Amino acid sequence: MHRSRHRKRRYRFIVLIPILTVILLYISTHVKSKLIIEDNVLIRIESGIIERRSSIKQITVPVGVTKLGDNAFRECKKLESVELPETIETIGNSAFEDCYQLEHIELPKNLKNIEESAFRNCVNLRVIELPENLKRLRINAFRGCHSLEKVNIPLGITAIEGYTFEECKSLKKIILHDGIEKIFTGAFLNCQGLEEVEMREGIKSIMAEAFSGCENIKSIKIP
């Protein structure tokens, strides 16, 4: 009788070991948040058991990723800095929208596309250096970036799309290069700090409210 009980206890213990091992392995691999990547596209960031998506302050995207998917880091409200590899070619729709604490991001030289609302409402983003290879800067891309002080427009961009820089209240000067042909509706709407705008040869169309609400403009050169 005593031996039988002992065998049962021993059997239970043997059965529990692999179960506990699996549980511990699961916990150890799911404590931190992790990047979900499929076919070289960063789909999203997934919260861990302890580290939540909303609490992340720094992110390093691994080499090989070619695209940040739509909404990839949207509403990561404590995110302060991001390190991107040179393999990134596209930043998807709303990828960093509502990342209120984002202060610094260095865009890779091979970046070609910044999609709609990619950096919308990144209210602490002060400077952005757009790479020379950039071909597309979509509507609302930097809308609501209140702290943005300086931005360059690469030669590959031929139009400033609608509301791209709306309410970028800290922008003071904009120089638009020769290749820009069109400024769409509300492109610089309510850029209240804007004082100087310089347009080069090539501008063919400036649409409604492109500079509406820019009440502090002192100088504007139209070819």
Protein backbone atom coordinates (compact mmCIF):
# COMPACT_ATOMS: atom_id res chain seq x y z
CA MET A 1 0.00 0.00 0.00
CA HIS A 2 2.78 2.38 0.99
CA ARG A 3 4.77 1.49 -2.16
CA SER A 4 1.70 2.11 -4.35
CA ARG A 5 1.24 5.64 -2.95
CA HIS A 6 4.93 6.34 -3.39
CA ARG A 7 4.76 5.24 -7.03
CA LYS A 8 1.75 7.49 -7.68
CA ARG A 9 3.53 10.49 -6.17
CA ARG A 10 6.61 9.74 -8.18
CA TYR A 11 4.53 9.41 -11.36
CA ARG A 12 2.81 12.75 -10.70
CA PHE A 13 6.17 14.40 -10.13
CA ILE A 14 7.55 12.98 -13.40
CA VAL A 15 4.45 14.22 -15.28
CA LEU A 16 4.67 17.69 -13.71
CA ILE A 17 8.30 18.26 -14.69
CA PRO A 18 7.71 18.66 -18.49
CA ILE A 19 4.55 20.70 -17.85
CA LEU A 20 6.40 23.11 -15.56
CA THR A 21 9.28 23.23 -18.06
CA VAL A 22 6.91 24.25 -20.86
CA ILE A 23 5.27 26.90 -18.65
CA LEU A 24 8.65 28.36 -17.64
CA LEU A 25 9.86 28.41 -21.24
CA TYR A 26 6.67 30.15 -22.36
CA ILE A 27 7.01 32.79 -19.63
CA SER A 28 10.71 33.38 -20.36
CA THR A 29 10.07 33.89 -24.08
CA HIS A 30 6.97 36.07 -23.61
CA VAL A 31 8.06 38.42 -20.82
CA LYS A 32 9.12 41.16 -23.23
CA SER A 33 7.21 42.52 -26.20
CA LYS A 34 8.36 41.26 -29.58
CA LEU A 35 8.36 42.33 -33.21
CA ILE A 36 6.16 40.28 -35.54
CA ILE A 37 7.86 40.02 -38.94
CA GLU A 38 6.52 38.19 -41.99
CA ASP A 39 8.12 38.16 -45.44
CA ASN A 40 10.47 41.00 -44.43
CA VAL A 41 7.53 43.18 -43.37
CA LEU A 42 7.29 44.29 -39.75
CA ILE A 43 3.59 43.69 -39.14
CA ARG A 44 3.25 44.86 -35.55
CA ILE A 45 4.76 44.86 -32.10
CA GLU A 46 3.15 42.40 -29.69
CA SER A 47 2.90 43.03 -25.94
CA GLY A 48 4.67 40.66 -23.57
CA ILE A 49 3.51 39.37 -20.18
CA ILE A 50 5.36 42.14 -18.34
CA GLU A 51 6.53 44.61 -21.02
CA ARG A 52 3.48 46.13 -22.65
CA ARG A 53 3.43 47.60 -26.13
CA SER A 54 2.35 50.97 -24.80
CA SER A 55 5.33 51.21 -22.41
CA ILE A 56 8.18 50.69 -24.88
CA LYS A 57 10.67 53.58 -25.11
CA GLN A 58 13.23 52.31 -27.63
CA ILE A 59 13.02 49.98 -30.62
CA THR A 60 15.69 48.52 -32.92
CA VAL A 61 14.33 47.06 -36.13
CA PRO A 62 16.50 44.17 -37.39
CA VAL A 63 18.43 44.20 -40.67
CA GLY A 64 16.49 42.60 -43.53
CA VAL A 65 13.13 44.25 -42.82
CA THR A 66 12.10 46.19 -45.95
CA LYS A 67 8.79 47.65 -44.79
CA LEU A 68 7.15 48.90 -41.62
CA GLY A 69 3.55 47.77 -42.02
CA ASP A 70 0.43 49.86 -41.56
CA ASN A 71 -0.10 50.83 -37.89
CA ALA A 72 3.08 48.94 -36.92
CA PHE A 73 3.89 51.22 -33.95
CA ARG A 74 0.70 53.25 -33.79
CA GLU A 75 -0.13 54.55 -30.29
CA CYS A 76 3.17 53.43 -28.77
CA LYS A 77 2.75 56.55 -26.67
CA LYS A 78 6.03 56.27 -24.72
CA LEU A 79 8.24 55.48 -27.68
CA GLU A 80 11.15 57.96 -27.75
CA SER A 81 13.60 56.65 -30.35
CA VAL A 82 13.72 54.13 -33.18
CA GLU A 83 16.70 52.63 -34.98
CA LEU A 84 15.96 51.54 -38.53
CA PRO A 85 18.20 49.41 -40.79
CA GLU A 86 19.29 50.54 -44.26
CA THR A 87 17.08 47.81 -45.76
CA ILE A 88 13.87 49.75 -45.02
CA GLU A 89 12.23 51.06 -48.21
CA THR A 90 8.69 51.84 -47.07
CA ILE A 91 7.08 53.24 -43.93
CA GLY A 92 3.43 52.22 -44.05
CA ASN A 93 0.20 54.07 -43.31
CA SER A 94 0.03 55.40 -39.72
CA ALA A 95 3.16 53.41 -38.80
CA PHE A 96 4.11 55.94 -36.08
CA GLU A 97 0.83 57.81 -35.70
CA ASP A 98 0.17 59.04 -32.14
CA CYS A 99 3.68 58.21 -30.92
CA TYR A 100 3.55 61.33 -28.77
CA GLN A 101 7.01 60.97 -27.18
CA LEU A 102 8.96 60.16 -30.35
CA GLU A 103 11.85 62.63 -30.43
CA HIS A 104 14.39 61.11 -32.81
CA ILE A 105 14.37 58.84 -35.81
CA GLU A 106 17.07 58.54 -38.46
CA LEU A 107 15.57 57.52 -41.76
CA PRO A 108 17.64 55.10 -43.89
CA LYS A 109 19.16 56.22 -47.19
CA ASN A 110 17.24 53.59 -49.16
CA LEU A 111 13.81 54.78 -47.97
CA LYS A 112 11.55 55.43 -50.97
CA ASN A 113 8.02 55.74 -49.57
CA ILE A 114 6.47 57.45 -46.57
CA GLU A 115 2.80 56.55 -46.66
CA GLU A 116 -0.32 58.31 -45.41
CA SER A 117 -0.27 59.63 -41.81
CA ALA A 118 3.02 57.82 -41.15
CA PHE A 119 4.17 60.32 -38.48
CA ARG A 120 0.87 62.02 -37.74
CA ASN A 121 0.66 63.54 -34.25
CA CYS A 122 4.28 62.84 -33.33
CA VAL A 123 4.11 66.05 -31.32
CA ASN A 124 7.68 65.84 -29.92
CA LEU A 125 9.46 65.14 -33.21
CA ARG A 126 11.69 68.18 -33.82
CA VAL A 127 13.88 67.40 -36.84
CA ILE A 128 13.45 64.93 -39.68
CA GLU A 129 16.03 64.38 -42.43
CA LEU A 130 14.29 63.01 -45.49
CA PRO A 131 16.67 60.87 -47.60
CA GLU A 132 17.56 61.79 -51.18
CA ASN A 133 16.05 58.57 -52.58
CA LEU A 134 12.57 59.36 -51.23
CA LYS A 135 10.01 59.33 -54.06
CA ARG A 136 6.68 59.50 -52.28
CA LEU A 137 5.54 61.58 -49.32
CA ARG A 138 1.85 60.95 -48.82
CA ILE A 139 -1.08 62.94 -47.44
CA ASN A 140 -1.04 63.75 -43.70
CA ALA A 141 2.49 62.34 -43.36
CA PHE A 142 3.59 64.87 -40.71
CA ARG A 143 0.23 66.36 -39.80
CA GLY A 144 0.10 67.54 -36.20
CA CYS A 145 3.87 67.37 -35.61
CA HIS A 146 3.77 70.53 -33.50
CA SER A 147 7.49 70.55 -32.60
CA LEU A 148 8.87 69.95 -36.09
CA GLU A 149 11.31 72.81 -36.71
CA LYS A 150 13.11 71.79 -39.85
CA VAL A 151 12.43 69.54 -42.81
CA ASN A 152 14.15 69.14 -46.18
CA ILE A 153 12.22 68.22 -49.32
CA PRO A 154 14.22 65.74 -51.48
CA LEU A 155 14.52 66.21 -55.25
CA GLY A 156 12.48 63.08 -55.95
CA ILE A 157 9.33 64.66 -54.50
CA THR A 158 7.28 66.41 -57.22
CA ALA A 159 4.27 67.49 -55.13
CA ILE A 160 3.40 68.38 -51.56
CA GLU A 161 0.25 66.36 -50.92
CA GLY A 162 -2.77 67.50 -48.95
CA TYR A 163 -2.28 68.32 -45.24
CA THR A 164 1.24 66.85 -45.27
CA PHE A 165 2.50 69.48 -42.81
CA GLU A 166 -0.75 70.74 -41.32
CA GLU A 167 -0.31 72.22 -37.83
CA CYS A 168 3.47 71.89 -37.87
CA LYS A 169 3.44 74.99 -35.70
CA SER A 170 7.22 75.22 -35.16
CA LEU A 171 8.22 75.27 -38.84
CA LYS A 172 9.75 78.66 -39.67
CA LYS A 173 11.11 78.31 -43.19
CA ILE A 174 10.28 76.16 -46.20
CA ILE A 175 12.34 75.91 -49.38
CA LEU A 176 10.67 74.04 -52.24
CA HIS A 177 13.09 72.83 -54.93
CA ASP A 178 12.76 73.20 -58.71
CA GLY A 179 11.05 69.86 -59.31
CA ILE A 180 7.97 70.50 -57.17
CA GLU A 181 5.04 71.25 -59.47
CA LYS A 182 2.02 71.23 -57.19
CA ILE A 183 1.10 72.11 -53.62
CA PHE A 184 -2.16 70.42 -52.65
CA THR A 185 -5.01 71.59 -50.43
CA GLY A 186 -4.00 72.38 -46.85
CA ALA A 187 -0.39 71.26 -47.34
CA PHE A 188 0.86 73.83 -44.77
CA LEU A 189 -2.47 74.61 -43.13
CA ASN A 190 -2.16 76.33 -39.73
CA CYS A 191 1.64 76.34 -39.68
CA GLN A 192 1.47 79.32 -37.37
CA GLY A 193 5.24 79.69 -36.90
CA LEU A 194 5.99 79.77 -40.63
CA GLU A 195 7.71 83.04 -41.56
CA GLU A 196 9.39 82.41 -44.91
CA VAL A 197 8.44 80.36 -47.99
CA GLU A 198 10.66 80.09 -51.06
CA MET A 199 9.39 78.44 -54.22
CA ARG A 200 11.69 77.74 -57.15
CA GLU A 201 10.89 77.47 -60.85
CA GLY A 202 8.51 74.66 -61.75
CA ILE A 203 5.53 75.39 -59.50
CA LYS A 204 2.38 75.11 -61.61
CA SER A 205 -0.41 74.94 -59.06
CA ILE A 206 -1.09 76.03 -55.48
CA MET A 207 -4.44 74.66 -54.31
CA ALA A 208 -6.99 75.97 -51.80
CA GLU A 209 -5.87 76.66 -48.22
CA ALA A 210 -2.32 75.51 -48.94
CA PHE A 211 -1.03 78.21 -46.56
CA SER A 212 -4.26 79.09 -44.75
CA GLY A 213 -3.74 80.01 -41.10
CA CYS A 214 -0.03 80.77 -41.62
CA GLU A 215 -0.58 84.15 -40.01
CA ASN A 216 3.11 84.94 -39.38
CA ILE A 217 4.43 84.67 -42.94
CA LYS A 218 6.68 87.66 -43.63
CA SER A 219 8.14 86.61 -46.96
CA ILE A 220 6.91 84.38 -49.79
CA LYS A 221 8.62 84.01 -53.16
CA ILE A 222 6.47 82.72 -56.01
CA PRO A 223 8.15 82.19 -59.40
